[in-house]
């Protein structure tokens, strides 16, 4: 337990700090290694429906059908393409 108490915790930089620092390379902790990435075949087999697309122009104009599309995308997928 004493070792745990002595351990110094380092706060990792967030994206804004990395961008402000002018780094040209993405830190390795943010990169998914090739062998850990899903293949196109695996991804396409798992996804049966296309990812929902929401038109932000129509949404901001108050289009009720676009609002319904956004609501459905978030309830069913948890994400959408803009």
PDB file of N, CA and C in Angstrom:
ATOM      1  N   UNK A   1       0.824  -1.188   0.000  1.00  0.00           N
ATOM      2  CA  UNK A   1       0.000   0.000   0.000  1.00  0.00           C
ATOM      3  C   UNK A   1       0.871   1.256   0.000  1.00  0.00           C
ATOM      4  N   UNK A   2       2.008   1.194   0.687  1.00  0.00           N
ATOM      5  CA  UNK A   2       2.900   2.347   0.744  1.00  0.00           C
ATOM      6  C   UNK A   2       3.403   2.709  -0.646  1.00  0.00           C
ATOM      7  N   UNK A   3       3.671   1.691  -1.474  1.00  0.00           N
ATOM      8  CA  UNK A   3       4.124   1.962  -2.834  1.00  0.00           C
ATOM      9  C   UNK A   3       3.074   2.719  -3.621  1.00  0.00           C
ATOM     10  N   UNK A   4       1.804   2.352  -3.418  1.00  0.00           N
ATOM     11  CA  UNK A   4       0.719   3.041  -4.115  1.00  0.00           C
ATOM     12  C   UNK A   4       0.632   4.494  -3.674  1.00  0.00           C
ATOM     13  N   UNK A   5       0.853   4.758  -2.388  1.00  0.00           N
ATOM     14  CA  UNK A   5       0.783   6.115  -1.875  1.00  0.00           C
ATOM     15  C   UNK A   5       1.919   6.972  -2.417  1.00  0.00           C
ATOM     16  N   UNK A   6       3.056   6.368  -2.706  1.00  0.00           N
ATOM     17  CA  UNK A   6       4.221   7.097  -3.185  1.00  0.00           C
ATOM     18  C   UNK A   6       4.167   7.366  -4.686  1.00  0.00           C
ATOM     19  N   UNK A   7       3.311   6.671  -5.376  1.00  0.00           N
ATOM     20  CA  UNK A   7       3.245   6.792  -6.828  1.00  0.00           C
ATOM     21  C   UNK A   7       2.759   8.189  -7.223  1.00  0.00           C
ATOM     22  N   UNK A   8       3.435   8.804  -8.153  1.00  0.00           N
ATOM     23  CA  UNK A   8       3.036  10.116  -8.658  1.00  0.00           C
ATOM     24  C   UNK A   8       2.128   9.919  -9.873  1.00  0.00           C
ATOM     25  N   UNK A   9       0.992  10.563  -9.854  1.00  0.00           N
ATOM     26  CA  UNK A   9       0.065  10.452 -10.974  1.00  0.00           C
ATOM     27  C   UNK A   9       0.299  11.598 -11.930  1.00  0.00           C
ATOM     28  N   UNK A  10       0.419  11.254 -13.183  1.00  0.00           N
ATOM     29  CA  UNK A  10       0.676  12.249 -14.208  1.00  0.00           C
ATOM     30  C   UNK A  10      -0.614  12.501 -14.984  1.00  0.00           C
ATOM     31  N   UNK A  11      -0.995  13.743 -15.114  1.00  0.00           N
ATOM     32  CA  UNK A  11      -2.170  14.090 -15.901  1.00  0.00           C
ATOM     33  C   UNK A  11      -1.732  14.189 -17.358  1.00  0.00           C
ATOM     34  N   UNK A  12      -2.378  13.410 -18.202  1.00  0.00           N
ATOM     35  CA  UNK A  12      -2.026  13.396 -19.620  1.00  0.00           C
ATOM     36  C   UNK A  12      -2.620  14.617 -20.312  1.00  0.00           C
ATOM     37  N   UNK A  13      -1.933  15.149 -21.320  1.00  0.00           N
ATOM     38  CA  UNK A  13      -2.465  16.315 -22.025  1.00  0.00           C
ATOM     39  C   UNK A  13      -3.723  15.952 -22.805  1.00  0.00           C
ATOM     40  N   UNK A  14      -4.628  16.930 -22.899  1.00  0.00           N
ATOM     41  CA  UNK A  14      -5.820  16.696 -23.706  1.00  0.00           C
ATOM     42  C   UNK A  14      -5.540  17.130 -25.146  1.00  0.00           C
ATOM     43  N   UNK A  15      -6.503  16.955 -26.006  1.00  0.00           N
ATOM     44  CA  UNK A  15      -6.317  17.239 -27.431  1.00  0.00           C
ATOM     45  C   UNK A  15      -5.958  18.702 -27.662  1.00  0.00           C
ATOM     46  N   UNK A  16      -6.611  19.611 -26.943  1.00  0.00           N
ATOM     47  CA  UNK A  16      -6.334  21.031 -27.117  1.00  0.00           C
ATOM     48  C   UNK A  16      -4.886  21.361 -26.751  1.00  0.00           C
ATOM     49  N   UNK A  17      -4.386  20.760 -25.678  1.00  0.00           N
ATOM     50  CA  UNK A  17      -3.001  21.008 -25.262  1.00  0.00           C
ATOM     51  C   UNK A  17      -2.023  20.458 -26.296  1.00  0.00           C
ATOM     52  N   UNK A  18      -2.330  19.291 -26.852  1.00  0.00           N
ATOM     53  CA  UNK A  18      -1.462  18.716 -27.878  1.00  0.00           C
ATOM     54  C   UNK A  18      -1.431  19.596 -29.120  1.00  0.00           C
ATOM     55  N   UNK A  19      -2.598  20.110 -29.520  1.00  0.00           N
ATOM     56  CA  UNK A  19      -2.668  20.974 -30.701  1.00  0.00           C
ATOM     57  C   UNK A  19      -1.927  22.285 -30.461  1.00  0.00           C
ATOM     58  N   UNK A  20      -2.073  22.854 -29.275  1.00  0.00           N
ATOM     59  CA  UNK A  20      -1.409  24.112 -28.955  1.00  0.00           C
ATOM     60  C   UNK A  20       0.108  23.954 -28.918  1.00  0.00           C
ATOM     61  N   UNK A  21       0.564  22.761 -28.591  1.00  0.00           N
ATOM     62  CA  UNK A  21       2.003  22.510 -28.519  1.00  0.00           C
ATOM     63  C   UNK A  21       2.625  22.385 -29.904  1.00  0.00           C
ATOM     64  N   UNK A  22       1.793  22.295 -30.928  1.00  0.00           N
ATOM     65  CA  UNK A  22       2.297  22.215 -32.293  1.00  0.00           C
ATOM     66  C   UNK A  22       2.952  20.889 -32.637  1.00  0.00           C
ATOM     67  N   UNK A  23       2.488  19.820 -32.022  1.00  0.00           N
ATOM     68  CA  UNK A  23       3.078  18.506 -32.292  1.00  0.00           C
ATOM     69  C   UNK A  23       2.734  18.045 -33.692  1.00  0.00           C
ATOM     70  N   UNK A  24       3.697  17.432 -34.364  1.00  0.00           N
ATOM     71  CA  UNK A  24       3.472  16.892 -35.701  1.00  0.00           C
ATOM     72  C   UNK A  24       3.061  15.432 -35.666  1.00  0.00           C
ATOM     73  N   UNK A  25       3.343  14.757 -34.562  1.00  0.00           N
ATOM     74  CA  UNK A  25       3.037  13.334 -34.446  1.00  0.00           C
ATOM     75  C   UNK A  25       1.980  13.109 -33.386  1.00  0.00           C
ATOM     76  N   UNK A  26       1.154  12.114 -33.622  1.00  0.00           N
ATOM     77  CA  UNK A  26       0.150  11.720 -32.639  1.00  0.00           C
ATOM     78  C   UNK A  26       0.845  10.837 -31.606  1.00  0.00           C
ATOM     79  N   UNK A  27       0.683  11.125 -30.314  1.00  0.00           N
ATOM     80  CA  UNK A  27       1.306  10.275 -29.292  1.00  0.00           C
ATOM     81  C   UNK A  27       0.836   8.826 -29.433  1.00  0.00           C
ATOM     82  N   UNK A  28       1.721   7.912 -29.197  1.00  0.00           N
ATOM     83  CA  UNK A  28       1.429   6.492 -29.419  1.00  0.00           C
ATOM     84  C   UNK A  28       0.247   5.992 -28.609  1.00  0.00           C
ATOM     85  N   UNK A  29      -0.026   6.597 -27.454  1.00  0.00           N
ATOM     86  CA  UNK A  29      -1.151   6.126 -26.634  1.00  0.00           C
ATOM     87  C   UNK A  29      -2.499   6.395 -27.298  1.00  0.00           C
ATOM     88  N   UNK A  30      -2.518   7.279 -28.303  1.00  0.00           N
ATOM     89  CA  UNK A  30      -3.764   7.590 -29.000  1.00  0.00           C
ATOM     90  C   UNK A  30      -3.912   6.823 -30.322  1.00  0.00           C
ATOM     91  N   UNK A  31      -2.951   6.008 -30.662  1.00  0.00           N
ATOM     92  CA  UNK A  31      -2.968   5.289 -31.931  1.00  0.00           C
ATOM     93  C   UNK A  31      -3.341   3.825 -31.693  1.00  0.00           C
ATOM     94  N   UNK A  32      -4.315   3.342 -32.451  1.00  0.00           N
ATOM     95  CA  UNK A  32      -4.699   1.933 -32.375  1.00  0.00           C
ATOM     96  C   UNK A  32      -3.769   1.168 -33.313  1.00  0.00           C
ATOM     97  N   UNK A  33      -3.103   0.173 -32.775  1.00  0.00           N
ATOM     98  CA  UNK A  33      -2.175  -0.615 -33.588  1.00  0.00           C
ATOM     99  C   UNK A  33      -2.925  -1.368 -34.682  1.00  0.00           C
ATOM    100  N   UNK A  34      -2.257  -1.596 -35.798  1.00  0.00           N
ATOM    101  CA  UNK A  34      -2.886  -2.260 -36.947  1.00  0.00           C
ATOM    102  C   UNK A  34      -3.532  -3.579 -36.576  1.00  0.00           C
ATOM    103  N   UNK A  35      -2.854  -4.380 -35.751  1.00  0.00           N
ATOM    104  CA  UNK A  35      -3.406  -5.699 -35.424  1.00  0.00           C
ATOM    105  C   UNK A  35      -4.600  -5.607 -34.471  1.00  0.00           C
ATOM    106  N   UNK A  36      -4.839  -4.438 -33.857  1.00  0.00           N
ATOM    107  CA  UNK A  36      -5.997  -4.247 -32.983  1.00  0.00           C
ATOM    108  C   UNK A  36      -7.192  -3.628 -33.704  1.00  0.00           C
ATOM    109  N   UNK A  37      -6.977  -3.200 -34.943  1.00  0.00           N
ATOM    110  CA  UNK A  37      -8.049  -2.568 -35.701  1.00  0.00           C
ATOM    111  C   UNK A  37      -8.949  -3.625 -36.330  1.00  0.00           C
ATOM    112  N   UNK A  38     -10.255  -3.360 -36.369  1.00  0.00           N
ATOM    113  CA  UNK A  38     -11.137  -4.324 -37.038  1.00  0.00           C
ATOM    114  C   UNK A  38     -10.901  -4.292 -38.541  1.00  0.00           C
ATOM    115  N   UNK A  39     -11.046  -5.430 -39.160  1.00  0.00           N
ATOM    116  CA  UNK A  39     -10.906  -5.476 -40.612  1.00  0.00           C
ATOM    117  C   UNK A  39     -12.206  -5.026 -41.249  1.00  0.00           C
ATOM    118  N   UNK A  40     -12.154  -4.656 -42.505  1.00  0.00           N
ATOM    119  CA  UNK A  40     -13.356  -4.214 -43.215  1.00  0.00           C
ATOM    120  C   UNK A  40     -14.391  -5.328 -43.251  1.00  0.00           C
ATOM    121  N   UNK A  41     -13.953  -6.574 -43.392  1.00  0.00           N
ATOM    122  CA  UNK A  41     -14.890  -7.699 -43.449  1.00  0.00           C
ATOM    123  C   UNK A  41     -15.630  -7.862 -42.130  1.00  0.00           C
ATOM    124  N   UNK A  42     -14.927  -7.727 -41.024  1.00  0.00           N
ATOM    125  CA  UNK A  42     -15.557  -7.860 -39.707  1.00  0.00           C
ATOM    126  C   UNK A  42     -16.526  -6.713 -39.485  1.00  0.00           C
ATOM    127  N   UNK A  43     -16.100  -5.508 -39.802  1.00  0.00           N
ATOM    128  CA  UNK A  43     -16.952  -4.338 -39.591  1.00  0.00           C
ATOM    129  C   UNK A  43     -18.209  -4.423 -40.440  1.00  0.00           C
ATOM    130  N   UNK A  44     -18.091  -4.851 -41.689  1.00  0.00           N
ATOM    131  CA  UNK A  44     -19.270  -4.889 -42.552  1.00  0.00           C
ATOM    132  C   UNK A  44     -20.208  -6.029 -42.165  1.00  0.00           C
ATOM    133  N   UNK A  45     -19.702  -7.112 -41.612  1.00  0.00           N
ATOM    134  CA  UNK A  45     -20.563  -8.206 -41.175  1.00  0.00           C
ATOM    135  C   UNK A  45     -21.372  -7.822 -39.947  1.00  0.00           C
ATOM    136  N   UNK A  46     -20.785  -7.004 -39.064  1.00  0.00           N
ATOM    137  CA  UNK A  46     -21.460  -6.614 -37.835  1.00  0.00           C
ATOM    138  C   UNK A  46     -22.520  -5.543 -38.061  1.00  0.00           C
ATOM    139  N   UNK A  47     -22.331  -4.712 -39.070  1.00  0.00           N
ATOM    140  CA  UNK A  47     -23.231  -3.591 -39.317  1.00  0.00           C
ATOM    141  C   UNK A  47     -24.197  -3.965 -40.432  1.00  0.00           C
ATOM    142  N   UNK A  48     -25.464  -4.077 -40.075  1.00  0.00           N
ATOM    143  CA  UNK A  48     -26.458  -4.451 -41.079  1.00  0.00           C
ATOM    144  C   UNK A  48     -27.152  -3.236 -41.673  1.00  0.00           C
ATOM    145  N   UNK A  49     -27.236  -2.136 -40.916  1.00  0.00           N
ATOM    146  CA  UNK A  49     -27.874  -0.913 -41.389  1.00  0.00           C
ATOM    147  C   UNK A  49     -26.818   0.164 -41.551  1.00  0.00           C
ATOM    148  N   UNK A  50     -27.030   1.087 -42.496  1.00  0.00           N
ATOM    149  CA  UNK A  50     -26.065   2.182 -42.624  1.00  0.00           C
ATOM    150  C   UNK A  50     -26.158   3.127 -41.418  1.00  0.00           C
ATOM    151  N   UNK A  51     -25.057   3.757 -41.092  1.00  0.00           N
ATOM    152  CA  UNK A  51     -25.037   4.719 -39.993  1.00  0.00           C
ATOM    153  C   UNK A  51     -25.945   5.885 -40.379  1.00  0.00           C
ATOM    154  N   UNK A  52     -26.810   6.326 -39.469  1.00  0.00           N
ATOM    155  CA  UNK A  52     -27.730   7.410 -39.795  1.00  0.00           C
ATOM    156  C   UNK A  52     -26.994   8.716 -40.123  1.00  0.00           C
ATOM    157  N   UNK A  53     -27.519   9.442 -41.112  1.00  0.00           N
ATOM    158  CA  UNK A  53     -26.966  10.729 -41.513  1.00  0.00           C
ATOM    159  C   UNK A  53     -27.997  11.800 -41.191  1.00  0.00           C
ATOM    160  N   UNK A  54     -27.563  12.855 -40.479  1.00  0.00           N
ATOM    161  CA  UNK A  54     -28.453  13.954 -40.114  1.00  0.00           C
ATOM    162  C   UNK A  54     -27.947  15.218 -40.794  1.00  0.00           C
ATOM    163  N   UNK A  55     -28.832  15.904 -41.503  1.00  0.00           N
ATOM    164  CA  UNK A  55     -28.506  17.157 -42.181  1.00  0.00           C
ATOM    165  C   UNK A  55     -28.642  18.292 -41.165  1.00  0.00           C
ATOM    166  N   UNK A  56     -27.520  18.854 -40.739  1.00  0.00           N
ATOM    167  CA  UNK A  56     -27.537  19.887 -39.715  1.00  0.00           C
ATOM    168  C   UNK A  56     -28.191  21.177 -40.203  1.00  0.00           C
ATOM    169  N   UNK A  57     -28.115  21.467 -41.512  1.00  0.00           N
ATOM    170  CA  UNK A  57     -28.792  22.651 -42.047  1.00  0.00           C
ATOM    171  C   UNK A  57     -30.300  22.516 -41.890  1.00  0.00           C
ATOM    172  N   UNK A  58     -30.816  21.354 -42.239  1.00  0.00           N
ATOM    173  CA  UNK A  58     -32.258  21.131 -42.109  1.00  0.00           C
ATOM    174  C   UNK A  58     -32.669  21.114 -40.637  1.00  0.00           C
ATOM    175  N   UNK A  59     -31.808  20.542 -39.797  1.00  0.00           N
ATOM    176  CA  UNK A  59     -32.099  20.478 -38.369  1.00  0.00           C
ATOM    177  C   UNK A  59     -32.177  21.880 -37.772  1.00  0.00           C
ATOM    178  N   UNK A  60     -31.208  22.745 -38.118  1.00  0.00           N
ATOM    179  CA  UNK A  60     -31.205  24.110 -37.583  1.00  0.00           C
ATOM    180  C   UNK A  60     -32.338  24.954 -38.155  1.00  0.00           C
ATOM    181  N   UNK A  61     -32.868  24.560 -39.322  1.00  0.00           N
ATOM    182  CA  UNK A  61     -34.000  25.265 -39.920  1.00  0.00           C
ATOM    183  C   UNK A  61     -35.322  24.818 -39.305  1.00  0.00           C
ATOM    184  N   UNK A  62     -35.270  23.828 -38.425  1.00  0.00           N
ATOM    185  CA  UNK A  62     -36.478  23.395 -37.721  1.00  0.00           C
ATOM    186  C   UNK A  62     -37.248  22.288 -38.404  1.00  0.00           C
ATOM    187  N   UNK A  63     -36.621  21.564 -39.321  1.00  0.00           N
ATOM    188  CA  UNK A  63     -37.308  20.474 -40.014  1.00  0.00           C
ATOM    189  C   UNK A  63     -37.645  19.358 -39.025  1.00  0.00           C
ATOM    190  N   UNK A  64     -38.937  19.124 -38.841  1.00  0.00           N
ATOM    191  CA  UNK A  64     -39.396  18.137 -37.861  1.00  0.00           C
ATOM    192  C   UNK A  64     -38.926  16.733 -38.216  1.00  0.00           C
ATOM    193  N   UNK A  65     -38.907  16.396 -39.508  1.00  0.00           N
ATOM    194  CA  UNK A  65     -38.477  15.049 -39.890  1.00  0.00           C
ATOM    195  C   UNK A  65     -36.990  14.828 -39.608  1.00  0.00           C
ATOM    196  N   UNK A  66     -36.190  15.903 -39.709  1.00  0.00           N
ATOM    197  CA  UNK A  66     -34.760  15.775 -39.419  1.00  0.00           C
ATOM    198  C   UNK A  66     -34.547  15.627 -37.916  1.00  0.00           C
ATOM    199  N   UNK A  67     -35.354  16.316 -37.114  1.00  0.00           N
ATOM    200  CA  UNK A  67     -35.282  16.175 -35.657  1.00  0.00           C
ATOM    201  C   UNK A  67     -35.654  14.756 -35.251  1.00  0.00           C
ATOM    202  N   UNK A  68     -36.646  14.198 -35.921  1.00  0.00           N
ATOM    203  CA  UNK A  68     -37.041  12.816 -35.633  1.00  0.00           C
ATOM    204  C   UNK A  68     -35.931  11.847 -36.020  1.00  0.00           C
ATOM    205  N   UNK A  69     -35.255  12.138 -37.139  1.00  0.00           N
ATOM    206  CA  UNK A  69     -34.141  11.295 -37.584  1.00  0.00           C
ATOM    207  C   UNK A  69     -32.995  11.345 -36.563  1.00  0.00           C
ATOM    208  N   UNK A  70     -32.711  12.549 -36.048  1.00  0.00           N
ATOM    209  CA  UNK A  70     -31.674  12.700 -35.024  1.00  0.00           C
ATOM    210  C   UNK A  70     -32.041  11.930 -33.761  1.00  0.00           C
ATOM    211  N   UNK A  71     -33.260  12.077 -33.308  1.00  0.00           N
ATOM    212  CA  UNK A  71     -33.724  11.380 -32.105  1.00  0.00           C
ATOM    213  C   UNK A  71     -33.603   9.862 -32.286  1.00  0.00           C
ATOM    214  N   UNK A  72     -34.033   9.367 -33.420  1.00  0.00           N
ATOM    215  CA  UNK A  72     -33.953   7.930 -33.695  1.00  0.00           C
ATOM    216  C   UNK A  72     -32.499   7.453 -33.738  1.00  0.00           C
ATOM    217  N   UNK A  73     -31.631   8.236 -34.380  1.00  0.00           N
ATOM    218  CA  UNK A  73     -30.217   7.864 -34.477  1.00  0.00           C
ATOM    219  C   UNK A  73     -29.586   7.757 -33.101  1.00  0.00           C
ATOM    220  N   UNK A  74     -29.888   8.717 -32.233  1.00  0.00           N
ATOM    221  CA  UNK A  74     -29.300   8.708 -30.898  1.00  0.00           C
ATOM    222  C   UNK A  74     -29.872   7.599 -30.024  1.00  0.00           C
ATOM    223  N   UNK A  75     -31.163   7.317 -30.168  1.00  0.00           N
ATOM    224  CA  UNK A  75     -31.772   6.253 -29.372  1.00  0.00           C
ATOM    225  C   UNK A  75     -31.313   4.871 -29.821  1.00  0.00           C
ATOM    226  N   UNK A  76     -31.203   4.679 -31.129  1.00  0.00           N
ATOM    227  CA  UNK A  76     -30.904   3.349 -31.662  1.00  0.00           C
ATOM    228  C   UNK A  76     -29.419   3.093 -31.880  1.00  0.00           C
ATOM    229  N   UNK A  77     -28.680   4.124 -32.245  1.00  0.00           N
ATOM    230  CA  UNK A  77     -27.266   3.957 -32.555  1.00  0.00           C
ATOM    231  C   UNK A  77     -26.345   4.580 -31.507  1.00  0.00           C
ATOM    232  N   UNK A  78     -26.769   5.706 -30.937  1.00  0.00           N
ATOM    233  CA  UNK A  78     -25.900   6.440 -30.034  1.00  0.00           C
ATOM    234  C   UNK A  78     -24.956   7.357 -30.756  1.00  0.00           C
ATOM    235  N   UNK A  79     -25.097   7.452 -32.084  1.00  0.00           N
ATOM    236  CA  UNK A  79     -24.252   8.317 -32.890  1.00  0.00           C
ATOM    237  C   UNK A  79     -24.909   8.574 -34.230  1.00  0.00           C
ATOM    238  N   UNK A  80     -24.354   9.522 -34.969  1.00  0.00           N
ATOM    239  CA  UNK A  80     -24.844   9.809 -36.326  1.00  0.00           C
ATOM    240  C   UNK A  80     -23.738  10.507 -37.096  1.00  0.00           C
ATOM    241  N   UNK A  81     -23.868  10.529 -38.415  1.00  0.00           N
ATOM    242  CA  UNK A  81     -22.973  11.287 -39.274  1.00  0.00           C
ATOM    243  C   UNK A  81     -23.641  12.606 -39.572  1.00  0.00           C
ATOM    244  N   UNK A  82     -22.861  13.678 -39.584  1.00  0.00           N
ATOM    245  CA  UNK A  82     -23.426  14.999 -39.877  1.00  0.00           C
ATOM    246  C   UNK A  82     -23.042  15.410 -41.284  1.00  0.00           C
TER     247      UNK A  82
END
